[in-house]
Structures are given as C-alpha cells and as structure tokens.
Full PDB file with SEQRES, HELIX, SHEET, SSBOND, CRYST1, ORIGX, SCALE, CONECT and MASTER records, all heavy atoms in Angstrom:
SEQRES   1 A   39  ASP THR VAL PRO PRO THR ALA LEU THR LEU MET TRP ALA          
SEQRES   2 A   39  GLY LEU THR VAL LEU ILE ILE GLY ASN GLY PHE PHE LYS          
SEQRES   3 A   39  PRO ASN ILE SER THR MET VAL GLY GLN LEU TYR PRO LYS          
HELIX    1 AA1 PRO A    5  GLN A   35  1                                  31    
CRYST1    1.000    1.000    1.000  90.00  90.00  90.00 P 1           1          
ORIGX1      1.000000  0.000000  0.000000        0.00000                         
ORIGX2      0.000000  1.000000  0.000000        0.00000                         
ORIGX3      0.000000  0.000000  1.000000        0.00000                         
SCALE1      1.000000  0.000000  0.000000        0.00000                         
SCALE2      0.000000  1.000000  0.000000        0.00000                         
SCALE3      0.000000  0.000000  1.000000        0.00000                         
ATOM      1  N   ASP A   1     181.324 235.449  95.399  1.00  0.00           N  
ATOM      2  CA  ASP A   1     182.254 235.553  94.272  1.00  0.00           C  
ATOM      3  C   ASP A   1     182.175 234.369  93.322  1.00  0.00           C  
ATOM      4  O   ASP A   1     182.744 234.428  92.226  1.00  0.00           O  
ATOM      5  CB  ASP A   1     183.692 235.676  94.798  1.00  0.00           C  
ATOM      6  CG  ASP A   1     183.906 236.956  95.589  1.00  0.00           C  
ATOM      7  OD1 ASP A   1     183.280 237.977  95.236  1.00  0.00           O  
ATOM      8  OD2 ASP A   1     184.684 236.916  96.570  1.00  0.00           O  
ATOM      9  N   THR A   2     181.501 233.317  93.733  1.00  0.00           N  
ATOM     10  CA  THR A   2     181.470 232.107  92.898  1.00  0.00           C  
ATOM     11  C   THR A   2     180.082 231.754  92.392  1.00  0.00           C  
ATOM     12  O   THR A   2     179.859 230.634  91.932  1.00  0.00           O  
ATOM     13  CB  THR A   2     182.047 230.913  93.678  1.00  0.00           C  
ATOM     14  OG1 THR A   2     181.253 230.675  94.867  1.00  0.00           O  
ATOM     15  CG2 THR A   2     183.492 231.175  94.075  1.00  0.00           C  
ATOM     16  N   VAL A   3     179.124 232.694  92.496  1.00  0.00           N  
ATOM     17  CA  VAL A   3     177.791 232.440  91.938  1.00  0.00           C  
ATOM     18  C   VAL A   3     177.919 232.308  90.421  1.00  0.00           C  
ATOM     19  O   VAL A   3     178.419 233.219  89.748  1.00  0.00           O  
ATOM     20  CB  VAL A   3     176.821 233.593  92.281  1.00  0.00           C  
ATOM     21  CG1 VAL A   3     175.486 233.386  91.564  1.00  0.00           C  
ATOM     22  CG2 VAL A   3     176.608 233.672  93.781  1.00  0.00           C  
ATOM     23  N   PRO A   4     177.505 231.194  89.834  1.00  0.00           N  
ATOM     24  CA  PRO A   4     177.650 230.999  88.382  1.00  0.00           C  
ATOM     25  C   PRO A   4     176.831 232.028  87.602  1.00  0.00           C  
ATOM     26  O   PRO A   4     175.661 232.245  87.918  1.00  0.00           O  
ATOM     27  CB  PRO A   4     177.110 229.588  88.149  1.00  0.00           C  
ATOM     28  CG  PRO A   4     177.155 228.921  89.481  1.00  0.00           C  
ATOM     29  CD  PRO A   4     176.929 230.015  90.493  1.00  0.00           C  
ATOM     30  N   PRO A   5     177.424 232.678  86.609  1.00  0.00           N  
ATOM     31  CA  PRO A   5     176.655 233.624  85.782  1.00  0.00           C  
ATOM     32  C   PRO A   5     175.440 232.980  85.125  1.00  0.00           C  
ATOM     33  O   PRO A   5     174.411 233.627  84.933  1.00  0.00           O  
ATOM     34  CB  PRO A   5     177.672 234.087  84.731  1.00  0.00           C  
ATOM     35  CG  PRO A   5     179.012 233.854  85.367  1.00  0.00           C  
ATOM     36  CD  PRO A   5     178.846 232.634  86.220  1.00  0.00           C  
ATOM     37  N   THR A   6     175.561 231.690  84.813  1.00  0.00           N  
ATOM     38  CA  THR A   6     174.433 230.981  84.203  1.00  0.00           C  
ATOM     39  C   THR A   6     173.235 230.932  85.140  1.00  0.00           C  
ATOM     40  O   THR A   6     172.085 230.954  84.698  1.00  0.00           O  
ATOM     41  CB  THR A   6     174.847 229.552  83.817  1.00  0.00           C  
ATOM     42  OG1 THR A   6     176.017 229.592  83.008  1.00  0.00           O  
ATOM     43  CG2 THR A   6     173.736 228.851  83.038  1.00  0.00           C  
ATOM     44  N   ALA A   7     173.495 230.859  86.445  1.00  0.00           N  
ATOM     45  CA  ALA A   7     172.405 230.831  87.418  1.00  0.00           C  
ATOM     46  C   ALA A   7     171.601 232.129  87.353  1.00  0.00           C  
ATOM     47  O   ALA A   7     170.364 232.116  87.390  1.00  0.00           O  
ATOM     48  CB  ALA A   7     172.960 230.613  88.823  1.00  0.00           C  
ATOM     49  N   LEU A   8     172.300 233.247  87.262  1.00  0.00           N  
ATOM     50  CA  LEU A   8     171.607 234.537  87.162  1.00  0.00           C  
ATOM     51  C   LEU A   8     170.828 234.638  85.852  1.00  0.00           C  
ATOM     52  O   LEU A   8     169.706 235.159  85.823  1.00  0.00           O  
ATOM     53  CB  LEU A   8     172.616 235.677  87.273  1.00  0.00           C  
ATOM     54  CG  LEU A   8     173.326 235.826  88.623  1.00  0.00           C  
ATOM     55  CD1 LEU A   8     174.429 236.869  88.526  1.00  0.00           C  
ATOM     56  CD2 LEU A   8     172.331 236.196  89.710  1.00  0.00           C  
ATOM     57  N   THR A   9     171.417 234.125  84.774  1.00  0.00           N  
ATOM     58  CA  THR A   9     170.720 234.140  83.483  1.00  0.00           C  
ATOM     59  C   THR A   9     169.445 233.317  83.549  1.00  0.00           C  
ATOM     60  O   THR A   9     168.387 233.735  83.058  1.00  0.00           O  
ATOM     61  CB  THR A   9     171.638 233.592  82.378  1.00  0.00           C  
ATOM     62  OG1 THR A   9     172.824 234.386  82.301  1.00  0.00           O  
ATOM     63  CG2 THR A   9     170.932 233.610  81.034  1.00  0.00           C  
ATOM     64  N   LEU A  10     169.527 232.140  84.150  1.00  0.00           N  
ATOM     65  CA  LEU A  10     168.345 231.295  84.297  1.00  0.00           C  
ATOM     66  C   LEU A  10     167.282 231.948  85.165  1.00  0.00           C  
ATOM     67  O   LEU A  10     166.083 231.806  84.915  1.00  0.00           O  
ATOM     68  CB  LEU A  10     168.742 229.939  84.886  1.00  0.00           C  
ATOM     69  CG  LEU A  10     169.348 228.920  83.907  1.00  0.00           C  
ATOM     70  CD1 LEU A  10     169.931 227.738  84.669  1.00  0.00           C  
ATOM     71  CD2 LEU A  10     168.292 228.447  82.914  1.00  0.00           C  
ATOM     72  N   MET A  11     167.723 232.658  86.202  1.00  0.00           N  
ATOM     73  CA  MET A  11     166.758 233.335  87.063  1.00  0.00           C  
ATOM     74  C   MET A  11     165.982 234.385  86.280  1.00  0.00           C  
ATOM     75  O   MET A  11     164.743 234.425  86.341  1.00  0.00           O  
ATOM     76  CB  MET A  11     167.468 234.000  88.240  1.00  0.00           C  
ATOM     77  CG  MET A  11     166.508 234.691  89.203  1.00  0.00           C  
ATOM     78  SD  MET A  11     167.300 235.939  90.246  1.00  0.00           S  
ATOM     79  CE  MET A  11     167.616 237.256  89.077  1.00  0.00           C  
ATOM     80  N   TRP A  12     166.687 235.217  85.516  1.00  0.00           N  
ATOM     81  CA  TRP A  12     166.001 236.255  84.741  1.00  0.00           C  
ATOM     82  C   TRP A  12     165.094 235.640  83.682  1.00  0.00           C  
ATOM     83  O   TRP A  12     163.971 236.122  83.467  1.00  0.00           O  
ATOM     84  CB  TRP A  12     167.026 237.180  84.083  1.00  0.00           C  
ATOM     85  CG  TRP A  12     167.745 238.069  85.044  1.00  0.00           C  
ATOM     86  CD1 TRP A  12     169.071 238.074  85.337  1.00  0.00           C  
ATOM     87  CD2 TRP A  12     167.165 239.102  85.870  1.00  0.00           C  
ATOM     88  NE1 TRP A  12     169.370 239.025  86.273  1.00  0.00           N  
ATOM     89  CE2 TRP A  12     168.216 239.675  86.622  1.00  0.00           C  
ATOM     90  CE3 TRP A  12     165.877 239.578  86.043  1.00  0.00           C  
ATOM     91  CZ2 TRP A  12     168.010 240.715  87.518  1.00  0.00           C  
ATOM     92  CZ3 TRP A  12     165.671 240.620  86.946  1.00  0.00           C  
ATOM     93  CH2 TRP A  12     166.728 241.171  87.670  1.00  0.00           C  
ATOM     94  N   ALA A  13     165.557 234.582  83.045  1.00  0.00           N  
ATOM     95  CA  ALA A  13     164.729 233.919  82.039  1.00  0.00           C  
ATOM     96  C   ALA A  13     163.491 233.304  82.684  1.00  0.00           C  
ATOM     97  O   ALA A  13     162.370 233.401  82.156  1.00  0.00           O  
ATOM     98  CB  ALA A  13     165.545 232.849  81.313  1.00  0.00           C  
ATOM     99  N   GLY A  14     163.689 232.653  83.838  1.00  0.00           N  
ATOM    100  CA  GLY A  14     162.558 232.043  84.528  1.00  0.00           C  
ATOM    101  C   GLY A  14     161.524 233.066  84.963  1.00  0.00           C  
ATOM    102  O   GLY A  14     160.315 232.846  84.807  1.00  0.00           O  
ATOM    103  N   LEU A  15     161.972 234.175  85.503  1.00  0.00           N  
ATOM    104  CA  LEU A  15     161.043 235.224  85.924  1.00  0.00           C  
ATOM    105  C   LEU A  15     160.272 235.788  84.731  1.00  0.00           C  
ATOM    106  O   LEU A  15     159.061 236.034  84.813  1.00  0.00           O  
ATOM    107  CB  LEU A  15     161.801 236.353  86.623  1.00  0.00           C  
ATOM    108  CG  LEU A  15     162.461 236.025  87.964  1.00  0.00           C  
ATOM    109  CD1 LEU A  15     163.157 237.256  88.520  1.00  0.00           C  
ATOM    110  CD2 LEU A  15     161.448 235.488  88.968  1.00  0.00           C  
ATOM    111  N   THR A  16     160.961 235.981  83.605  1.00  0.00           N  
ATOM    112  CA  THR A  16     160.302 236.509  82.407  1.00  0.00           C  
ATOM    113  C   THR A  16     159.219 235.573  81.921  1.00  0.00           C  
ATOM    114  O   THR A  16     158.089 235.994  81.607  1.00  0.00           O  
ATOM    115  CB  THR A  16     161.338 236.728  81.289  1.00  0.00           C  
ATOM    116  OG1 THR A  16     162.341 237.650  81.739  1.00  0.00           O  
ATOM    117  CG2 THR A  16     160.676 237.287  80.036  1.00  0.00           C  
ATOM    118  N   VAL A  17     159.529 234.285  81.871  1.00  0.00           N  
ATOM    119  CA  VAL A  17     158.552 233.299  81.409  1.00  0.00           C  
ATOM    120  C   VAL A  17     157.376 233.208  82.381  1.00  0.00           C  
ATOM    121  O   VAL A  17     156.218 233.079  81.969  1.00  0.00           O  
ATOM    122  CB  VAL A  17     159.230 231.926  81.219  1.00  0.00           C  
ATOM    123  CG1 VAL A  17     158.206 230.862  80.860  1.00  0.00           C  
ATOM    124  CG2 VAL A  17     160.294 232.001  80.133  1.00  0.00           C  
ATOM    125  N   LEU A  18     157.653 233.281  83.671  1.00  0.00           N  
ATOM    126  CA  LEU A  18     156.581 233.260  84.672  1.00  0.00           C  
ATOM    127  C   LEU A  18     155.642 234.454  84.515  1.00  0.00           C  
ATOM    128  O   LEU A  18     154.409 234.306  84.603  1.00  0.00           O  
ATOM    129  CB  LEU A  18     157.174 233.261  86.082  1.00  0.00           C  
ATOM    130  CG  LEU A  18     157.689 231.927  86.624  1.00  0.00           C  
ATOM    131  CD1 LEU A  18     158.497 232.148  87.894  1.00  0.00           C  
ATOM    132  CD2 LEU A  18     156.529 230.978  86.889  1.00  0.00           C  
ATOM    133  N   ILE A  19     156.212 235.613  84.273  1.00  0.00           N  
ATOM    134  CA  ILE A  19     155.404 236.825  84.125  1.00  0.00           C  
ATOM    135  C   ILE A  19     154.500 236.720  82.899  1.00  0.00           C  
ATOM    136  O   ILE A  19     153.303 237.018  82.954  1.00  0.00           O  
ATOM    137  CB  ILE A  19     156.315 238.062  84.026  1.00  0.00           C  
ATOM    138  CG1 ILE A  19     156.980 238.332  85.379  1.00  0.00           C  
ATOM    139  CG2 ILE A  19     155.532 239.292  83.571  1.00  0.00           C  
ATOM    140  CD1 ILE A  19     158.141 239.312  85.299  1.00  0.00           C  
ATOM    141  N   ILE A  20     155.067 236.262  81.777  1.00  0.00           N  
ATOM    142  CA  ILE A  20     154.277 236.116  80.548  1.00  0.00           C  
ATOM    143  C   ILE A  20     153.195 235.053  80.731  1.00  0.00           C  
ATOM    144  O   ILE A  20     152.043 235.239  80.341  1.00  0.00           O  
ATOM    145  CB  ILE A  20     155.197 235.768  79.363  1.00  0.00           C  
ATOM    146  CG1 ILE A  20     156.173 236.918  79.090  1.00  0.00           C  
ATOM    147  CG2 ILE A  20     154.372 235.461  78.113  1.00  0.00           C  
ATOM    148  CD1 ILE A  20     157.249 236.581  78.073  1.00  0.00           C  
ATOM    149  N   GLY A  21     153.572 233.918  81.314  1.00  0.00           N  
ATOM    150  CA  GLY A  21     152.605 232.851  81.523  1.00  0.00           C  
ATOM    151  C   GLY A  21     151.448 233.269  82.403  1.00  0.00           C  
ATOM    152  O   GLY A  21     150.289 232.945  82.131  1.00  0.00           O  
ATOM    153  N   ASN A  22     151.748 233.998  83.462  1.00  0.00           N  
ATOM    154  CA  ASN A  22     150.694 234.485  84.347  1.00  0.00           C  
ATOM    155  C   ASN A  22     149.728 235.405  83.604  1.00  0.00           C  
ATOM    156  O   ASN A  22     148.524 235.394  83.868  1.00  0.00           O  
ATOM    157  CB  ASN A  22     151.315 235.231  85.523  1.00  0.00           C  
ATOM    158  CG  ASN A  22     150.290 235.701  86.528  1.00  0.00           C  
ATOM    159  OD1 ASN A  22     149.861 234.964  87.398  1.00  0.00           O  
ATOM    160  ND2 ASN A  22     149.885 236.962  86.410  1.00  0.00           N  
ATOM    161  N   GLY A  23     150.259 236.182  82.659  1.00  0.00           N  
ATOM    162  CA  GLY A  23     149.399 237.077  81.886  1.00  0.00           C  
ATOM    163  C   GLY A  23     148.365 236.329  81.070  1.00  0.00           C  
ATOM    164  O   GLY A  23     147.239 236.812  80.885  1.00  0.00           O  
ATOM    165  N   PHE A  24     148.728 235.162  80.575  1.00  0.00           N  
ATOM    166  CA  PHE A  24     147.776 234.350  79.823  1.00  0.00           C  
ATOM    167  C   PHE A  24     146.826 233.589  80.745  1.00  0.00           C  
ATOM    168  O   PHE A  24     145.641 233.431  80.446  1.00  0.00           O  
ATOM    169  CB  PHE A  24     148.522 233.338  78.941  1.00  0.00           C  
ATOM    170  CG  PHE A  24     149.093 233.921  77.693  1.00  0.00           C  
ATOM    171  CD1 PHE A  24     150.448 234.182  77.593  1.00  0.00           C  
ATOM    172  CD2 PHE A  24     148.282 234.219  76.611  1.00  0.00           C  
ATOM    173  CE1 PHE A  24     150.987 234.722  76.441  1.00  0.00           C  
ATOM    174  CE2 PHE A  24     148.811 234.763  75.451  1.00  0.00           C  
ATOM    175  CZ  PHE A  24     150.162 235.014  75.364  1.00  0.00           C  
ATOM    176  N   PHE A  25     147.354 233.105  81.868  1.00  0.00           N  
ATOM    177  CA  PHE A  25     146.583 232.205  82.725  1.00  0.00           C  
ATOM    178  C   PHE A  25     145.576 232.928  83.610  1.00  0.00           C  
ATOM    179  O   PHE A  25     144.381 232.615  83.607  1.00  0.00           O  
ATOM    180  CB  PHE A  25     147.555 231.397  83.600  1.00  0.00           C  
ATOM    181  CG  PHE A  25     146.922 230.285  84.377  1.00  0.00           C  
ATOM    182  CD1 PHE A  25     147.005 228.988  83.924  1.00  0.00           C  
ATOM    183  CD2 PHE A  25     146.257 230.541  85.568  1.00  0.00           C  
ATOM    184  CE1 PHE A  25     146.428 227.946  84.644  1.00  0.00           C  
ATOM    185  CE2 PHE A  25     145.683 229.513  86.300  1.00  0.00           C  
ATOM    186  CZ  PHE A  25     145.763 228.212  85.832  1.00  0.00           C  
ATOM    187  N   LYS A  26     146.055 233.888  84.361  1.00  0.00           N  
ATOM    188  CA  LYS A  26     145.281 234.442  85.473  1.00  0.00           C  
ATOM    189  C   LYS A  26     143.948 235.072  85.071  1.00  0.00           C  
ATOM    190  O   LYS A  26     142.907 234.754  85.662  1.00  0.00           O  
ATOM    191  CB  LYS A  26     146.156 235.452  86.233  1.00  0.00           C  
ATOM    192  CG  LYS A  26     145.507 236.007  87.496  1.00  0.00           C  
ATOM    193  CD  LYS A  26     145.198 234.905  88.487  1.00  0.00           C  
ATOM    194  CE  LYS A  26     144.558 235.467  89.751  1.00  0.00           C  
ATOM    195  NZ  LYS A  26     144.092 234.388  90.640  1.00  0.00           N  
ATOM    196  N   PRO A  27     143.889 235.977  84.093  1.00  0.00           N  
ATOM    197  CA  PRO A  27     142.601 236.632  83.819  1.00  0.00           C  
ATOM    198  C   PRO A  27     141.592 235.707  83.159  1.00  0.00           C  
ATOM    199  O   PRO A  27     140.377 235.869  83.330  1.00  0.00           O  
ATOM    200  CB  PRO A  27     142.985 237.786  82.884  1.00  0.00           C  
ATOM    201  CG  PRO A  27     144.196 237.292  82.176  1.00  0.00           C  
ATOM    202  CD  PRO A  27     144.946 236.471  83.193  1.00  0.00           C  
ATOM    203  N   ASN A  28     142.079 234.721  82.429  1.00  0.00           N  
ATOM    204  CA  ASN A  28     141.181 233.924  81.606  1.00  0.00           C  
ATOM    205  C   ASN A  28     140.508 232.790  82.371  1.00  0.00           C  
ATOM    206  O   ASN A  28     139.395 232.394  82.040  1.00  0.00           O  
ATOM    207  CB  ASN A  28     141.957 233.387  80.400  1.00  0.00           C  
ATOM    208  CG  ASN A  28     142.450 234.519  79.513  1.00  0.00           C  
ATOM    209  OD1 ASN A  28     141.706 235.389  79.128  1.00  0.00           O  
ATOM    210  ND2 ASN A  28     143.742 234.519  79.214  1.00  0.00           N  
ATOM    211  N   ILE A  29     141.165 232.270  83.401  1.00  0.00           N  
ATOM    212  CA  ILE A  29     140.503 231.245  84.193  1.00  0.00           C  
ATOM    213  C   ILE A  29     139.408 231.864  85.060  1.00  0.00           C  
ATOM    214  O   ILE A  29     138.358 231.268  85.272  1.00  0.00           O  
ATOM    215  CB  ILE A  29     141.522 230.453  85.044  1.00  0.00           C  
ATOM    216  CG1 ILE A  29     140.847 229.211  85.618  1.00  0.00           C  
ATOM    217  CG2 ILE A  29     142.116 231.328  86.144  1.00  0.00           C  
ATOM    218  CD1 ILE A  29     141.821 228.236  86.236  1.00  0.00           C  
ATOM    219  N   SER A  30     139.622 233.089  85.527  1.00  0.00           N  
ATOM    220  CA  SER A  30     138.578 233.762  86.304  1.00  0.00           C  
ATOM    221  C   SER A  30     137.360 234.048  85.436  1.00  0.00           C  
ATOM    222  O   SER A  30     136.212 233.933  85.882  1.00  0.00           O  
ATOM    223  CB  SER A  30     139.128 235.073  86.889  1.00  0.00           C  
ATOM    224  OG  SER A  30     140.228 234.829  87.748  1.00  0.00           O  
ATOM    225  N   THR A  31     137.600 234.408  84.180  1.00  0.00           N  
ATOM    226  CA  THR A  31     136.500 234.672  83.257  1.00  0.00           C  
ATOM    227  C   THR A  31     135.650 233.434  83.035  1.00  0.00           C  
ATOM    228  O   THR A  31     134.426 233.516  82.909  1.00  0.00           O  
ATOM    229  CB  THR A  31     137.057 235.163  81.906  1.00  0.00           C  
ATOM    230  OG1 THR A  31     137.824 236.344  82.134  1.00  0.00           O  
ATOM    231  CG2 THR A  31     135.942 235.477  80.937  1.00  0.00           C  
ATOM    232  N   MET A  32     136.292 232.268  83.007  1.00  0.00           N  
ATOM    233  CA  MET A  32     135.558 231.025  82.735  1.00  0.00           C  
ATOM    234  C   MET A  32     134.545 230.698  83.826  1.00  0.00           C  
ATOM    235  O   MET A  32     133.548 230.024  83.564  1.00  0.00           O  
ATOM    236  CB  MET A  32     136.535 229.870  82.567  1.00  0.00           C  
ATOM    237  CG  MET A  32     137.326 229.915  81.272  1.00  0.00           C  
ATOM    238  SD  MET A  32     138.142 228.349  80.892  1.00  0.00           S  
ATOM    239  CE  MET A  32     136.765 227.414  80.249  1.00  0.00           C  
ATOM    240  N   VAL A  33     134.808 231.152  85.048  1.00  0.00           N  
ATOM    241  CA  VAL A  33     133.854 230.889  86.137  1.00  0.00           C  
ATOM    242  C   VAL A  33     132.495 231.486  85.793  1.00  0.00           C  
ATOM    243  O   VAL A  33     131.463 230.824  85.885  1.00  0.00           O  
ATOM    244  CB  VAL A  33     134.367 231.457  87.471  1.00  0.00           C  
ATOM    245  CG1 VAL A  33     133.329 231.280  88.576  1.00  0.00           C  
ATOM    246  CG2 VAL A  33     135.674 230.778  87.868  1.00  0.00           C  
ATOM    247  N   GLY A  34     132.487 232.746  85.377  1.00  0.00           N  
ATOM    248  CA  GLY A  34     131.231 233.397  85.020  1.00  0.00           C  
ATOM    249  C   GLY A  34     130.560 232.786  83.799  1.00  0.00           C  
ATOM    250  O   GLY A  34     129.327 232.792  83.680  1.00  0.00           O  
ATOM    251  N   GLN A  35     131.370 232.233  82.895  1.00  0.00           N  
ATOM    252  CA  GLN A  35     130.810 231.665  81.675  1.00  0.00           C  
ATOM    253  C   GLN A  35     130.082 230.346  81.899  1.00  0.00           C  
ATOM    254  O   GLN A  35     129.386 229.857  81.004  1.00  0.00           O  
ATOM    255  CB  GLN A  35     131.936 231.462  80.648  1.00  0.00           C  
ATOM    256  CG  GLN A  35     132.523 232.765  80.141  1.00  0.00           C  
ATOM    257  CD  GLN A  35     133.704 232.554  79.222  1.00  0.00           C  
ATOM    258  OE1 GLN A  35     134.253 231.453  79.144  1.00  0.00           O  
ATOM    259  NE2 GLN A  35     134.109 233.604  78.516  1.00  0.00           N  
ATOM    260  N   LEU A  36     130.243 229.762  83.080  1.00  0.00           N  
ATOM    261  CA  LEU A  36     129.553 228.500  83.381  1.00  0.00           C  
ATOM    262  C   LEU A  36     128.069 228.698  83.664  1.00  0.00           C  
ATOM    263  O   LEU A  36     127.310 227.722  83.678  1.00  0.00           O  
ATOM    264  CB  LEU A  36     130.206 227.828  84.599  1.00  0.00           C  
ATOM    265  CG  LEU A  36     131.646 227.329  84.442  1.00  0.00           C  
ATOM    266  CD1 LEU A  36     132.182 226.852  85.783  1.00  0.00           C  
ATOM    267  CD2 LEU A  36     131.731 226.217  83.416  1.00  0.00           C  
ATOM    268  N   TYR A  37     127.632 229.938  83.877  1.00  0.00           N  
ATOM    269  CA  TYR A  37     126.277 230.210  84.335  1.00  0.00           C  
ATOM    270  C   TYR A  37     125.519 231.063  83.329  1.00  0.00           C  
ATOM    271  O   TYR A  37     126.099 231.906  82.651  1.00  0.00           O  
ATOM    272  CB  TYR A  37     126.319 230.932  85.690  1.00  0.00           C  
ATOM    273  CG  TYR A  37     126.989 230.116  86.769  1.00  0.00           C  
ATOM    274  CD1 TYR A  37     128.381 230.156  86.924  1.00  0.00           C  
ATOM    275  CD2 TYR A  37     126.251 229.302  87.617  1.00  0.00           C  
ATOM    276  CE1 TYR A  37     129.010 229.400  87.898  1.00  0.00           C  
ATOM    277  CE2 TYR A  37     126.883 228.543  88.602  1.00  0.00           C  
ATOM    278  CZ  TYR A  37     128.259 228.592  88.730  1.00  0.00           C  
ATOM    279  OH  TYR A  37     128.870 227.831  89.694  1.00  0.00           O  
ATOM    280  N   PRO A  38     124.206 230.839  83.231  1.00  0.00           N  
ATOM    281  CA  PRO A  38     123.397 231.699  82.350  1.00  0.00           C  
ATOM    282  C   PRO A  38     123.325 233.118  82.899  1.00  0.00           C  
ATOM    283  O   PRO A  38     123.526 233.352  84.095  1.00  0.00           O  
ATOM    284  CB  PRO A  38     122.026 231.027  82.368  1.00  0.00           C  
ATOM    285  CG  PRO A  38     121.985 230.245  83.640  1.00  0.00           C  
ATOM    286  CD  PRO A  38     123.397 229.789  83.883  1.00  0.00           C  
ATOM    287  N   LYS A  39     123.083 234.052  82.045  1.00  0.00           N  
ATOM    288  CA  LYS A  39     123.010 235.454  82.438  1.00  0.00           C  
ATOM    289  C   LYS A  39     121.924 235.654  83.488  1.00  0.00           C  
ATOM    290  O   LYS A  39     120.805 235.177  83.344  1.00  0.00           O  
ATOM    291  CB  LYS A  39     122.722 236.329  81.214  1.00  0.00           C  
ATOM    292  CG  LYS A  39     122.788 237.804  81.497  1.00  0.00           C  
ATOM    293  CD  LYS A  39     122.604 238.613  80.224  1.00  0.00           C  
ATOM    294  CE  LYS A  39     122.696 240.114  80.501  1.00  0.00           C  
ATOM    295  NZ  LYS A  39     122.535 240.928  79.253  1.00  0.00           N  
TER     296      LYS A  39                                                      
MASTER        0    0    0    1    0    0    0    6  295    1    0    3          
END                                                                             
C-alpha cells in the first residue's frame, strides 16, 4: 500500500529506455565483428 507511484513511473521509463537502447546497440556491434575482416 505504500509503494511510491514515482517508483512505478521510473520503472516503466527505465524499461522503455533500456528497450530502445538495446535496439541501437545489439545488432550493430555484432555487425562490426564481420566488418573487421576482408570478404
């Protein structure tokens, strides 16, 4: 009954930012591995 509403807001905001950030980070670092080598 005493969980601060701000805590829930921060949780949703944090999850949203994590999801967006992962979208930029994850596929592009894997791509760079292949780019280090000649065809």
